Protein backbone atom coordinates (compact mmCIF):
# COMPACT_ATOMS: atom_id res chain seq x y z
CA MET A 1 0.00 0.00 0.00
CA THR A 2 0.92 3.66 -0.12
CA ALA A 3 0.24 6.16 2.65
CA GLU A 4 0.75 9.91 2.51
CA THR A 5 -0.32 13.26 3.86
CA ILE A 6 -2.38 15.23 1.36
CA MET A 7 -4.57 18.33 1.23
CA ILE A 8 -8.28 18.06 0.44
CA THR A 9 -10.98 20.67 0.00
CA GLY A 10 -13.14 20.84 3.11
CA ALA A 11 -16.00 22.96 4.39
CA GLY A 12 -16.12 26.45 2.95
CA ALA A 13 -13.63 25.40 0.26
CA ASP A 14 -10.89 25.48 2.91
CA PRO A 15 -7.74 23.43 2.32
CA VAL A 16 -7.59 20.73 5.01
CA GLN A 17 -4.78 18.32 5.82
CA ALA A 18 -5.69 14.63 5.48
CA TYR A 19 -4.03 11.23 5.68
CA LEU A 20 -4.61 8.91 2.72
CA ALA A 21 -3.79 5.19 2.48
CA ARG A 22 -4.44 3.09 -0.63
CA PRO A 23 -3.81 -0.49 -1.78
CA GLU A 24 -1.57 -0.95 -4.80
CA GLY A 25 -3.19 -0.98 -8.22
CA GLU A 26 -6.23 0.71 -9.70
CA ALA A 27 -8.77 -2.09 -9.35
CA LYS A 28 -12.21 -0.67 -8.59
CA ARG A 29 -12.97 -0.53 -4.89
CA GLY A 30 -14.90 1.33 -2.22
CA GLY A 31 -13.58 4.11 -0.03
CA VAL A 32 -13.69 4.79 3.71
CA VAL A 33 -13.62 8.15 5.48
CA VAL A 34 -12.17 7.75 8.99
CA ILE A 35 -13.26 10.36 11.56
CA HIS A 36 -10.69 10.53 14.33
CA HIS A 37 -11.48 10.57 18.04
CA MET A 38 -11.38 13.65 20.26
CA PRO A 39 -7.64 13.18 21.03
CA GLY A 40 -7.10 14.02 17.40
CA TYR A 41 -5.23 13.19 14.23
CA ASP A 42 -2.74 10.92 15.95
CA ARG A 43 -0.60 7.88 15.25
CA ALA A 44 -3.22 5.38 16.40
CA SER A 45 -5.84 6.93 14.12
CA LYS A 46 -3.46 6.80 11.15
CA GLU A 47 -2.92 3.10 11.84
CA ILE A 48 -6.68 2.62 11.46
CA VAL A 49 -6.57 4.34 8.06
CA ARG A 50 -3.81 1.96 6.95
CA ARG A 51 -5.82 -0.99 8.24
CA PHE A 52 -8.64 -0.15 5.86
CA ALA A 53 -6.16 0.06 3.00
CA GLU A 54 -4.92 -3.41 3.99
CA MET A 55 -8.55 -4.56 3.80
CA GLY A 56 -8.66 -3.34 0.20
CA TYR A 57 -10.22 0.13 0.49
CA ASP A 58 -8.99 3.60 -0.31
CA ALA A 59 -9.14 5.36 3.07
CA VAL A 60 -8.73 8.97 4.11
CA MET A 61 -8.87 10.81 7.44
CA PRO A 62 -9.28 14.60 7.51
CA ASN A 63 -7.49 16.49 10.28
CA LEU A 64 -10.51 18.09 11.95
CA TYR A 65 -8.33 20.46 13.99
CA TRP A 66 -6.29 21.73 11.06
CA ARG A 67 -7.79 25.22 11.14
CA GLU A 68 -7.22 25.69 14.87
CA ALA A 69 -3.69 24.32 14.96
CA PRO A 70 -2.02 23.68 11.59
CA GLY A 71 1.21 21.76 12.05
CA ALA A 72 0.74 21.30 15.82
CA SER A 73 1.25 18.01 17.63
CA PRO A 74 -1.91 15.90 18.02
CA ASP A 75 -2.11 16.71 21.75
CA ASP A 76 -1.76 20.46 21.20
CA ALA A 77 -4.19 20.42 18.27
CA ALA A 78 -6.78 18.50 20.29
CA ALA A 79 -6.39 20.98 23.16
CA ALA A 80 -6.91 23.85 20.75
CA GLY A 81 -9.98 22.13 19.35
CA ARG A 82 -11.48 21.62 22.81
CA ALA A 83 -10.70 25.21 23.76
CA ALA A 84 -12.66 26.33 20.70
CA GLY A 85 -15.65 24.26 21.83
CA GLY A 86 -15.05 21.35 19.50
CA VAL A 87 -15.62 20.97 15.78
CA PRO A 88 -18.81 22.74 14.62
CA ASP A 89 -21.30 20.28 13.17
CA GLU A 90 -21.70 22.17 9.89
CA ARG A 91 -17.94 22.27 9.37
CA LEU A 92 -17.62 18.57 10.18
CA VAL A 93 -20.17 17.70 7.50
CA GLY A 94 -18.28 19.84 4.98
CA ASP A 95 -14.92 18.27 5.80
CA VAL A 96 -16.26 14.72 5.63
CA GLY A 97 -18.07 15.59 2.41
CA GLY A 98 -14.79 16.85 0.97
CA ALA A 99 -13.02 13.65 2.03
CA ALA A 100 -15.76 11.53 0.42
CA ALA A 101 -15.52 13.58 -2.77
CA HIS A 102 -11.76 13.05 -2.84
CA LEU A 103 -12.22 9.29 -2.55
CA ARG A 104 -14.80 9.26 -5.34
CA SER A 105 -12.43 11.25 -7.57
CA LEU A 106 -9.75 8.55 -7.44
CA PRO A 107 -9.37 6.35 -10.55
CA SER A 108 -9.87 3.27 -8.38
CA SER A 109 -13.21 4.39 -6.93
CA ASN A 110 -16.31 2.29 -7.50
CA GLY A 111 -18.37 5.28 -6.34
CA LYS A 112 -19.20 3.83 -2.91
CA VAL A 113 -18.02 5.47 0.32
CA GLY A 114 -18.41 4.46 3.94
CA VAL A 115 -17.78 6.52 7.06
CA ILE A 116 -16.48 5.33 10.43
CA GLY A 117 -15.73 7.24 13.62
CA TYR A 118 -14.60 6.61 17.16
CA CYS A 119 -15.57 8.44 20.38
CA SER A 120 -16.67 11.96 19.32
CA GLY A 121 -16.15 10.67 15.78
CA GLY A 122 -18.91 8.12 16.34
CA ARG A 123 -21.47 10.86 16.82
CA GLN A 124 -19.96 12.74 13.90
CA THR A 125 -20.30 9.64 11.73
CA VAL A 126 -24.04 9.54 12.33
CA LEU A 127 -24.21 13.30 11.75
CA ALA A 128 -22.39 12.92 8.43
CA ALA A 129 -24.61 10.02 7.35
CA CYS A 130 -27.68 12.16 8.05
CA ASN A 131 -26.38 15.03 5.90
CA LEU A 132 -24.40 13.33 3.11
CA GLN A 133 -25.11 10.54 0.67
CA VAL A 134 -22.90 7.63 1.73
CA GLU A 135 -23.35 3.88 1.44
CA ALA A 136 -22.49 2.72 4.98
CA ALA A 137 -21.70 4.20 8.40
CA VAL A 138 -20.05 2.72 11.50
CA ASP A 139 -20.51 4.39 14.90
CA CYS A 140 -17.94 3.21 17.43
CA TYR A 141 -19.25 4.30 20.85
CA GLY A 142 -20.27 7.82 19.81
CA ALA A 143 -21.77 9.79 22.68
CA TYR A 144 -24.76 12.13 22.42
CA VAL A 145 -26.35 10.91 19.27
CA THR A 146 -29.15 10.63 21.84
CA GLY A 147 -29.18 11.97 25.39
CA THR A 148 -28.16 15.39 26.66
CA PRO A 149 -24.57 16.43 27.45
CA PRO A 150 -24.13 17.30 31.14
CA GLU A 151 -23.54 20.84 32.32
CA GLY A 152 -19.88 21.73 31.90
CA PHE A 153 -19.30 19.25 29.06
CA PRO A 154 -16.02 20.33 27.38
CA ILE A 155 -17.37 20.66 23.83
CA LYS A 156 -20.41 22.51 22.54
CA ILE A 157 -22.70 19.85 21.11
CA SER A 158 -26.29 18.72 21.31
CA ASN A 159 -27.86 15.42 20.40
CA ILE A 160 -28.88 14.79 16.79
CA VAL A 161 -32.15 12.96 17.36
CA ASP A 162 -33.97 15.39 15.08
CA GLN A 163 -31.66 14.45 12.20
CA LEU A 164 -32.10 10.67 12.41
CA PRO A 165 -35.01 10.63 9.91
CA ASN A 166 -32.44 11.72 7.29
CA LEU A 167 -30.03 8.81 7.89
CA SER A 168 -28.96 7.94 4.34
CA CYS A 169 -27.48 4.46 4.75
CA PRO A 170 -27.22 1.33 6.89
CA LEU A 171 -25.64 1.95 10.30
CA LEU A 172 -23.42 -0.42 12.28
CA GLY A 173 -23.08 0.44 15.97
CA MET A 174 -20.38 -0.90 18.31
CA PHE A 175 -20.82 -0.26 22.04
CA GLY A 176 -19.40 -1.30 25.40
CA ASN A 177 -21.88 -2.19 28.12
CA GLU A 178 -19.68 -0.53 30.75
CA ASP A 179 -19.54 2.77 28.85
CA GLN A 180 -21.34 5.83 30.20
CA HIS A 181 -20.80 8.06 27.14
CA PRO A 182 -22.87 6.62 25.51
CA SER A 183 -24.57 4.76 28.31
CA PRO A 184 -26.49 1.54 27.61
CA GLU A 185 -29.67 3.58 28.09
CA HIS A 186 -28.61 6.04 25.38
CA VAL A 187 -27.88 3.11 23.06
CA ASP A 188 -31.32 1.68 23.85
CA GLU A 189 -32.89 5.01 22.95
CA LEU A 190 -31.01 5.19 19.66
CA GLU A 191 -32.00 1.63 18.80
CA GLY A 192 -35.63 2.39 19.55
CA ARG A 193 -35.70 5.52 17.43
CA LEU A 194 -34.07 3.79 14.46
CA LYS A 195 -36.64 1.00 14.70
CA GLN A 196 -39.48 3.55 14.73
CA LEU A 197 -38.01 5.23 11.66
CA GLY A 198 -37.61 1.96 9.78
CA LYS A 199 -33.87 2.47 9.31
CA SER A 200 -31.43 -0.32 8.45
CA PHE A 201 -29.04 -0.89 11.35
CA GLU A 202 -27.27 -3.48 13.45
CA PHE A 203 -25.87 -2.94 16.93
CA HIS A 204 -23.34 -5.04 18.82
CA ARG A 205 -22.77 -4.59 22.54
CA TYR A 206 -19.89 -6.02 24.52
CA ASP A 207 -19.70 -7.02 28.18
CA ASP A 208 -16.49 -6.19 30.06
CA ALA A 209 -15.93 -3.28 27.65
CA GLY A 210 -16.26 0.43 28.21
CA HIS A 211 -15.39 3.45 26.15
CA ALA A 212 -12.51 3.21 23.64
CA PHE A 213 -12.29 -0.58 23.65
CA PHE A 214 -10.79 -0.50 20.12
CA ALA A 215 -7.88 1.71 21.27
CA VAL A 216 -4.83 -0.57 21.34
CA ASP A 217 -2.68 2.13 22.98
CA ARG A 218 -4.98 2.74 25.95
CA PRO A 219 -5.90 0.80 29.11
CA ALA A 220 -9.50 0.62 27.87
CA TYR A 221 -8.49 -1.80 25.06
CA ARG A 222 -10.40 -5.07 25.15
CA VAL A 223 -8.96 -7.76 22.88
CA ALA A 224 -12.04 -9.95 22.47
CA ALA A 225 -14.43 -7.05 21.86
CA ALA A 226 -12.07 -5.30 19.45
CA ASN A 227 -11.32 -8.46 17.45
CA ASP A 228 -15.00 -9.31 17.13
CA GLY A 229 -15.75 -5.68 16.25
CA TRP A 230 -13.19 -5.59 13.47
CA GLU A 231 -14.62 -8.79 11.97
CA ARG A 232 -18.10 -7.25 11.96
CA ILE A 233 -16.83 -4.00 10.42
CA GLU A 234 -15.05 -5.91 7.68
CA ASP A 235 -18.18 -7.93 6.90
CA PHE A 236 -20.42 -4.83 6.98
CA TYR A 237 -18.25 -2.89 4.55
CA ALA A 238 -17.85 -5.90 2.27
CA ARG A 239 -21.63 -6.06 1.95
CA HIS A 240 -22.19 -2.35 1.39
CA LEU A 241 -19.04 -1.04 -0.32
CA GLY A 242 -18.16 -3.95 -2.59
CA ASN A 243 -18.43 -3.86 -6.36
């Protein structure tokens, strides 16, 4: 595969840094937009992008904090992003839309694009799938798709319940039963609303797993849950992004 830092056109026609990984060759294939977690555009998130390339997809991850802290370390950029109240929803949709457009412009594209996000990126994945035309979305423990952020929450967000009727594609949800953001009750609420709306979705919940159970570089990592989750992600994308 090849992996490189590129510039894409994001919200407001702004140039935005992004990390692109691609398998060798120009055989037609789907693309995946990776939305990084709140800690930012870091090494662990770039490894996820390369993992999707190893699976056979073109994959790209926009640096959501590029405007606040161009060229800064991931920790400093994430701090700058939090200090600014987080990534505005409208800007997020524009940046993900720009990343999806870049994937579709590649000679290898089959025209199908999926989105996946972790932590804050899980909520942003659902947000993007409600505002963009994509073929598949994967929410990895995204908080406040439903529910209300507590007073003093570090980023300025609200839930996106009112946008769920616009969900454009099948949704795969991966959640830990020991997580509180989202809590099992918030996941129940999301499941119930999607059922009422007649949306296509599948949720998987894991015992002995809390928030960030996919994160191999953090104490929250849970081997069994993460391995099963990756198998389900691979199957889900094969069904929805394949030729």
